[in-house]
Amino acid sequence: MNSYESFTDTQLISHLQSGDQGAFTEVYRRFWDKIFAVAYHRLANQAEAEEIVQEVFLSLWKRRSNLQIKYTLNTYLSAATKYQVINKQSRGHFNKGEKKSLEEIVEQGIDTTELWFSERELRQELDKHINNLPLKCRLIFKMSRENYKSNAEIAEELNVSEKTVEAHITRALKILKDKLGVGLPLIVYLLSK
C-alpha cells in the first residue's frame, strides 16, 4: 500500500490522473479544510460551503484523466472553489435556459487561462491588503518580502530589535490571512511570484 501522505502534490496529481482512489482521498484530506475556508469566506454559510467543496472534489474526480494543473494544486482548487461559488451565487440571477448553459460551462472545468486570471486577481488583492497594513508593519513586511532582507538587517536598518521585526511580520501575515481568507502557503506562493 502506498504512503500517500509522503507524496508531493505533483505525485498525487499523477496518481489521480491514472484513477488512483487513494491519491484522490489524500488530495481530499490535504485540501478539504483550505477550500472549505475559501468557500465559507465568500458564502458565510457552512452548509453551502460544504456543498461547494463536494462539487469541487466531484468535478476533480470526473476530470481526473485529462487534468492539467499549471500552478499548484492548492491554487487550482482555490480557483475551482471560487468559480463554483460564483456559479452558485449567479443561479439566482439567470433564467432556466441561461442557468443550464452556465452549469455546462462550469462542468467543463477551469482552463489555464482562468487559473492565470484567478492567480492574478489573488495577487492584486494581496497587494491591496499589503498596502493597507499599518505603516511600520507594511514597511518591515515589504523589506522582508520584497527586498529579501533578513530580520537582522531590517532590525539594524530601522534601529529596532529582531523580536520587533518578527512581531510585525507575524502580524502582517495574520492580517493578510484573515483578509484574504486563504492559507499561508498560498500567500507565501503569491509573494514569491
C-alpha atoms as a PDB file:
ATOM      1  CA  MET A   1       0.000   0.000   0.000  1.00  0.00           C
ATOM      2  CA  ASN A   2       1.287   3.472  -0.938  1.00  0.00           C
ATOM      3  CA  SER A   3       2.005   6.028   1.757  1.00  0.00           C
ATOM      4  CA  TYR A   4       0.121   8.890   0.134  1.00  0.00           C
ATOM      5  CA  GLU A   5       0.893  11.286   2.972  1.00  0.00           C
ATOM      6  CA  SER A   6       4.529  11.405   1.840  1.00  0.00           C
ATOM      7  CA  PHE A   7       3.590  12.136  -1.799  1.00  0.00           C
ATOM      8  CA  THR A   8       4.207  15.583  -3.238  1.00  0.00           C
ATOM      9  CA  ASP A   9       1.294  17.331  -4.902  1.00  0.00           C
ATOM     10  CA  THR A  10       2.813  16.502  -8.289  1.00  0.00           C
ATOM     11  CA  GLN A  11       2.948  12.802  -7.415  1.00  0.00           C
ATOM     12  CA  LEU A  12      -0.650  12.913  -6.189  1.00  0.00           C
ATOM     13  CA  ILE A  13      -1.787  14.545  -9.437  1.00  0.00           C
ATOM     14  CA  SER A  14      -0.009  11.855 -11.454  1.00  0.00           C
ATOM     15  CA  HIS A  15      -1.651   9.057  -9.442  1.00  0.00           C
ATOM     16  CA  LEU A  16      -5.002  10.836  -9.574  1.00  0.00           C
ATOM     17  CA  GLN A  17      -4.806  11.079 -13.368  1.00  0.00           C
ATOM     18  CA  SER A  18      -4.443   7.305 -13.540  1.00  0.00           C
ATOM     19  CA  GLY A  19      -7.582   6.827 -11.414  1.00  0.00           C
ATOM     20  CA  ASP A  20      -5.913   6.057  -8.090  1.00  0.00           C
ATOM     21  CA  GLN A  21      -8.646   6.447  -5.449  1.00  0.00           C
ATOM     22  CA  GLY A  22      -6.085   6.539  -2.638  1.00  0.00           C
ATOM     23  CA  ALA A  23      -4.450   9.588  -4.215  1.00  0.00           C
ATOM     24  CA  PHE A  24      -7.856  11.249  -4.509  1.00  0.00           C
ATOM     25  CA  THR A  25      -8.544  10.525  -0.834  1.00  0.00           C
ATOM     26  CA  GLU A  26      -5.205  12.116   0.101  1.00  0.00           C
ATOM     27  CA  VAL A  27      -5.950  15.212  -2.009  1.00  0.00           C
ATOM     28  CA  TYR A  28      -9.300  15.470  -0.248  1.00  0.00           C
ATOM     29  CA  ARG A  29      -7.702  15.054   3.180  1.00  0.00           C
ATOM     30  CA  ARG A  30      -4.933  17.535   2.408  1.00  0.00           C
ATOM     31  CA  PHE A  31      -7.041  20.308   0.887  1.00  0.00           C
ATOM     32  CA  TRP A  32     -10.591  19.974   2.229  1.00  0.00           C
ATOM     33  CA  ASP A  33     -10.161  22.485   5.043  1.00  0.00           C
ATOM     34  CA  LYS A  34      -8.375  25.021   2.835  1.00  0.00           C
ATOM     35  CA  ILE A  35     -11.012  25.126   0.133  1.00  0.00           C
ATOM     36  CA  PHE A  36     -13.791  24.994   2.715  1.00  0.00           C
ATOM     37  CA  ALA A  37     -12.282  28.186   4.195  1.00  0.00           C
ATOM     38  CA  VAL A  38     -12.304  29.842   0.743  1.00  0.00           C
ATOM     39  CA  ALA A  39     -15.943  28.871   0.150  1.00  0.00           C
ATOM     40  CA  TYR A  40     -17.077  29.801   3.655  1.00  0.00           C
ATOM     41  CA  HIS A  41     -15.308  33.167   3.459  1.00  0.00           C
ATOM     42  CA  ARG A  42     -17.288  34.004   0.329  1.00  0.00           C
ATOM     43  CA  LEU A  43     -20.649  32.478   1.312  1.00  0.00           C
ATOM     44  CA  ALA A  44     -20.707  32.788   5.141  1.00  0.00           C
ATOM     45  CA  ASN A  45     -22.895  29.684   5.204  1.00  0.00           C
ATOM     46  CA  GLN A  46     -21.477  26.370   6.411  1.00  0.00           C
ATOM     47  CA  ALA A  47     -23.899  24.084   4.561  1.00  0.00           C
ATOM     48  CA  GLU A  48     -23.447  25.923   1.255  1.00  0.00           C
ATOM     49  CA  ALA A  49     -19.659  25.979   1.695  1.00  0.00           C
ATOM     50  CA  GLU A  50     -19.630  22.216   2.328  1.00  0.00           C
ATOM     51  CA  GLU A  51     -21.771  21.691  -0.772  1.00  0.00           C
ATOM     52  CA  ILE A  52     -19.310  23.731  -2.848  1.00  0.00           C
ATOM     53  CA  VAL A  53     -16.385  21.672  -1.524  1.00  0.00           C
ATOM     54  CA  GLN A  54     -18.162  18.460  -2.533  1.00  0.00           C
ATOM     55  CA  GLU A  55     -18.864  19.873  -6.011  1.00  0.00           C
ATOM     56  CA  VAL A  56     -15.216  20.859  -6.461  1.00  0.00           C
ATOM     57  CA  PHE A  57     -13.963  17.399  -5.492  1.00  0.00           C
ATOM     58  CA  LEU A  58     -16.611  15.661  -7.598  1.00  0.00           C
ATOM     59  CA  SER A  59     -15.549  17.738 -10.602  1.00  0.00           C
ATOM     60  CA  LEU A  60     -11.883  16.964  -9.860  1.00  0.00           C
ATOM     61  CA  TRP A  61     -12.601  13.221  -9.832  1.00  0.00           C
ATOM     62  CA  LYS A  62     -14.713  13.358 -13.012  1.00  0.00           C
ATOM     63  CA  ARG A  63     -11.998  15.263 -14.872  1.00  0.00           C
ATOM     64  CA  ARG A  64      -9.006  13.384 -13.408  1.00  0.00           C
ATOM     65  CA  SER A  65      -7.858  11.717 -16.639  1.00  0.00           C
ATOM     66  CA  ASN A  66      -7.358  14.992 -18.541  1.00  0.00           C
ATOM     67  CA  LEU A  67      -6.404  17.156 -15.573  1.00  0.00           C
ATOM     68  CA  GLN A  68      -3.798  19.799 -16.376  1.00  0.00           C
ATOM     69  CA  ILE A  69      -2.567  21.867 -13.455  1.00  0.00           C
ATOM     70  CA  LYS A  70      -0.188  24.644 -14.453  1.00  0.00           C
ATOM     71  CA  TYR A  71       0.425  26.083 -10.977  1.00  0.00           C
ATOM     72  CA  THR A  72      -0.058  24.433  -7.597  1.00  0.00           C
ATOM     73  CA  LEU A  73      -2.830  22.068  -6.630  1.00  0.00           C
ATOM     74  CA  ASN A  74      -3.816  24.488  -3.868  1.00  0.00           C
ATOM     75  CA  THR A  75      -4.135  27.372  -6.359  1.00  0.00           C
ATOM     76  CA  TYR A  76      -6.102  25.194  -8.753  1.00  0.00           C
ATOM     77  CA  LEU A  77      -8.549  24.026  -6.082  1.00  0.00           C
ATOM     78  CA  SER A  78      -8.934  27.550  -4.691  1.00  0.00           C
ATOM     79  CA  ALA A  79      -9.748  28.861  -8.163  1.00  0.00           C
ATOM     80  CA  ALA A  80     -12.186  25.999  -8.767  1.00  0.00           C
ATOM     81  CA  THR A  81     -13.868  26.802  -5.461  1.00  0.00           C
ATOM     82  CA  LYS A  82     -14.142  30.469  -6.347  1.00  0.00           C
ATOM     83  CA  TYR A  83     -15.800  29.640  -9.672  1.00  0.00           C
ATOM     84  CA  GLN A  84     -18.200  27.192  -8.021  1.00  0.00           C
ATOM     85  CA  VAL A  85     -19.159  29.953  -5.559  1.00  0.00           C
ATOM     86  CA  ILE A  86     -19.693  32.407  -8.426  1.00  0.00           C
ATOM     87  CA  ASN A  87     -21.818  29.811 -10.197  1.00  0.00           C
ATOM     88  CA  LYS A  88     -23.895  29.226  -7.064  1.00  0.00           C
ATOM     89  CA  GLN A  89     -24.380  32.948  -6.462  1.00  0.00           C
ATOM     90  CA  SER A  90     -25.291  33.614 -10.084  1.00  0.00           C
ATOM     91  CA  ARG A  91     -28.006  30.947 -10.194  1.00  0.00           C
ATOM     92  CA  GLY A  92     -30.482  33.390  -8.715  1.00  0.00           C
ATOM     93  CA  HIS A  93     -29.744  35.952 -11.446  1.00  0.00           C
ATOM     94  CA  PHE A  94     -30.328  33.802 -14.543  1.00  0.00           C
ATOM     95  CA  ASN A  95     -33.383  32.245 -16.059  1.00  0.00           C
ATOM     96  CA  LYS A  96     -33.543  28.466 -16.504  1.00  0.00           C
ATOM     97  CA  GLY A  97     -32.067  28.410 -20.029  1.00  0.00           C
ATOM     98  CA  GLU A  98     -29.103  30.557 -19.073  1.00  0.00           C
ATOM     99  CA  LYS A  99     -28.611  28.587 -15.849  1.00  0.00           C
ATOM    100  CA  LYS A 100     -28.235  25.341 -17.787  1.00  0.00           C
ATOM    101  CA  SER A 101     -25.700  26.951 -20.082  1.00  0.00           C
ATOM    102  CA  LEU A 102     -23.691  28.277 -17.136  1.00  0.00           C
ATOM    103  CA  GLU A 103     -23.725  24.854 -15.453  1.00  0.00           C
ATOM    104  CA  GLU A 104     -22.418  23.264 -18.650  1.00  0.00           C
ATOM    105  CA  ILE A 105     -19.552  25.744 -18.722  1.00  0.00           C
ATOM    106  CA  VAL A 106     -18.672  25.045 -15.084  1.00  0.00           C
ATOM    107  CA  GLU A 107     -18.844  21.277 -15.704  1.00  0.00           C
ATOM    108  CA  GLN A 108     -16.123  21.663 -18.335  1.00  0.00           C
ATOM    109  CA  GLY A 109     -13.775  22.814 -15.594  1.00  0.00           C
ATOM    110  CA  ILE A 110     -11.301  25.624 -15.335  1.00  0.00           C
ATOM    111  CA  ASP A 111      -8.723  26.119 -18.047  1.00  0.00           C
ATOM    112  CA  THR A 112      -5.252  27.509 -17.512  1.00  0.00           C
ATOM    113  CA  THR A 113      -6.320  30.997 -18.641  1.00  0.00           C
ATOM    114  CA  GLU A 114      -8.921  31.132 -15.868  1.00  0.00           C
ATOM    115  CA  LEU A 115      -6.320  29.914 -13.379  1.00  0.00           C
ATOM    116  CA  TRP A 116      -3.940  32.626 -14.513  1.00  0.00           C
ATOM    117  CA  PHE A 117      -6.621  35.300 -14.081  1.00  0.00           C
ATOM    118  CA  SER A 118      -7.554  33.877 -10.701  1.00  0.00           C
ATOM    119  CA  GLU A 119      -3.961  33.934  -9.537  1.00  0.00           C
ATOM    120  CA  ARG A 120      -3.530  37.455 -10.895  1.00  0.00           C
ATOM    121  CA  GLU A 121      -6.684  38.551  -9.080  1.00  0.00           C
ATOM    122  CA  LEU A 122      -5.452  36.992  -5.835  1.00  0.00           C
ATOM    123  CA  ARG A 123      -2.114  38.759  -6.255  1.00  0.00           C
ATOM    124  CA  GLN A 124      -3.858  42.115  -6.786  1.00  0.00           C
ATOM    125  CA  GLU A 125      -5.977  41.513  -3.703  1.00  0.00           C
ATOM    126  CA  LEU A 126      -2.845  40.618  -1.735  1.00  0.00           C
ATOM    127  CA  ASP A 127      -1.070  43.790  -2.882  1.00  0.00           C
ATOM    128  CA  LYS A 128      -4.077  45.881  -1.888  1.00  0.00           C
ATOM    129  CA  HIS A 129      -4.095  44.416   1.620  1.00  0.00           C
ATOM    130  CA  ILE A 130      -0.316  44.783   1.965  1.00  0.00           C
ATOM    131  CA  ASN A 131      -0.677  48.476   1.126  1.00  0.00           C
ATOM    132  CA  ASN A 132      -3.377  48.790   3.814  1.00  0.00           C
ATOM    133  CA  LEU A 133      -1.165  47.370   6.575  1.00  0.00           C
ATOM    134  CA  PRO A 134      -0.197  49.774   9.372  1.00  0.00           C
ATOM    135  CA  LEU A 135       2.778  51.905   8.275  1.00  0.00           C
ATOM    136  CA  LYS A 136       5.608  50.278  10.269  1.00  0.00           C
ATOM    137  CA  CYS A 137       4.169  46.788   9.741  1.00  0.00           C
ATOM    138  CA  ARG A 138       3.953  47.418   5.978  1.00  0.00           C
ATOM    139  CA  LEU A 139       7.491  48.838   5.834  1.00  0.00           C
ATOM    140  CA  ILE A 140       9.003  45.858   7.661  1.00  0.00           C
ATOM    141  CA  PHE A 141       6.939  43.340   5.706  1.00  0.00           C
ATOM    142  CA  LYS A 142       7.986  44.831   2.355  1.00  0.00           C
ATOM    143  CA  MET A 143      11.639  44.983   3.407  1.00  0.00           C
ATOM    144  CA  SER A 144      11.414  41.297   4.262  1.00  0.00           C
ATOM    145  CA  ARG A 145       9.357  40.006   1.340  1.00  0.00           C
ATOM    146  CA  GLU A 146      10.154  42.394  -1.497  1.00  0.00           C
ATOM    147  CA  ASN A 147      13.729  43.435  -0.673  1.00  0.00           C
ATOM    148  CA  TYR A 148      14.636  39.981   0.732  1.00  0.00           C
ATOM    149  CA  LYS A 149      16.314  41.434   3.807  1.00  0.00           C
ATOM    150  CA  SER A 150      16.887  39.278   6.846  1.00  0.00           C
ATOM    151  CA  ASN A 151      15.291  40.133  10.173  1.00  0.00           C
ATOM    152  CA  ALA A 152      18.705  41.155  11.486  1.00  0.00           C
ATOM    153  CA  GLU A 153      19.290  43.521   8.541  1.00  0.00           C
ATOM    154  CA  ILE A 154      15.858  45.097   8.980  1.00  0.00           C
ATOM    155  CA  ALA A 155      16.357  45.457  12.732  1.00  0.00           C
ATOM    156  CA  GLU A 156      19.722  47.165  12.226  1.00  0.00           C
ATOM    157  CA  GLU A 157      18.444  49.477   9.481  1.00  0.00           C
ATOM    158  CA  LEU A 158      15.360  50.569  11.470  1.00  0.00           C
ATOM    159  CA  ASN A 159      17.115  50.547  14.842  1.00  0.00           C
ATOM    160  CA  VAL A 160      14.642  48.096  16.403  1.00  0.00           C
ATOM    161  CA  SER A 161      15.034  44.624  17.900  1.00  0.00           C
ATOM    162  CA  GLU A 162      14.778  41.452  15.830  1.00  0.00           C
ATOM    163  CA  LYS A 163      11.830  40.439  18.022  1.00  0.00           C
ATOM    164  CA  THR A 164      10.022  43.612  16.918  1.00  0.00           C
ATOM    165  CA  VAL A 165      10.705  42.745  13.283  1.00  0.00           C
ATOM    166  CA  GLU A 166       9.401  39.191  13.813  1.00  0.00           C
ATOM    167  CA  ALA A 167       6.294  40.526  15.563  1.00  0.00           C
ATOM    168  CA  HIS A 168       5.493  42.885  12.668  1.00  0.00           C
ATOM    169  CA  ILE A 169       5.973  40.141  10.058  1.00  0.00           C
ATOM    170  CA  THR A 170       3.806  37.732  12.068  1.00  0.00           C
ATOM    171  CA  ARG A 171       1.139  40.411  12.444  1.00  0.00           C
ATOM    172  CA  ALA A 172       1.240  41.184   8.700  1.00  0.00           C
ATOM    173  CA  LEU A 173       0.843  37.504   7.773  1.00  0.00           C
ATOM    174  CA  LYS A 174      -2.074  37.108  10.182  1.00  0.00           C
ATOM    175  CA  ILE A 175      -3.819  40.205   8.798  1.00  0.00           C
ATOM    176  CA  LEU A 176      -3.309  39.022   5.210  1.00  0.00           C
ATOM    177  CA  LYS A 177      -4.519  35.518   6.018  1.00  0.00           C
ATOM    178  CA  ASP A 178      -7.647  36.912   7.690  1.00  0.00           C
ATOM    179  CA  LYS A 179      -8.365  39.453   4.923  1.00  0.00           C
ATOM    180  CA  LEU A 180      -7.852  37.039   2.041  1.00  0.00           C
ATOM    181  CA  GLY A 181      -9.444  34.015   3.662  1.00  0.00           C
ATOM    182  CA  VAL A 182      -6.732  31.727   2.285  1.00  0.00           C
ATOM    183  CA  GLY A 183      -3.984  29.700   3.882  1.00  0.00           C
ATOM    184  CA  LEU A 184      -0.467  30.965   4.453  1.00  0.00           C
ATOM    185  CA  PRO A 185       1.024  28.613   1.830  1.00  0.00           C
ATOM    186  CA  LEU A 186      -0.957  30.417  -0.890  1.00  0.00           C
ATOM    187  CA  ILE A 187       0.096  33.834   0.462  1.00  0.00           C
ATOM    188  CA  VAL A 188       3.746  32.735   0.518  1.00  0.00           C
ATOM    189  CA  TYR A 189       3.372  31.344  -3.013  1.00  0.00           C
ATOM    190  CA  LEU A 190       1.896  34.612  -4.306  1.00  0.00           C
ATOM    191  CA  LEU A 191       4.631  36.625  -2.601  1.00  0.00           C
ATOM    192  CA  SER A 192       7.271  34.534  -4.355  1.00  0.00           C
ATOM    193  CA  LYS A 193       5.909  35.382  -7.821  1.00  0.00           C
END
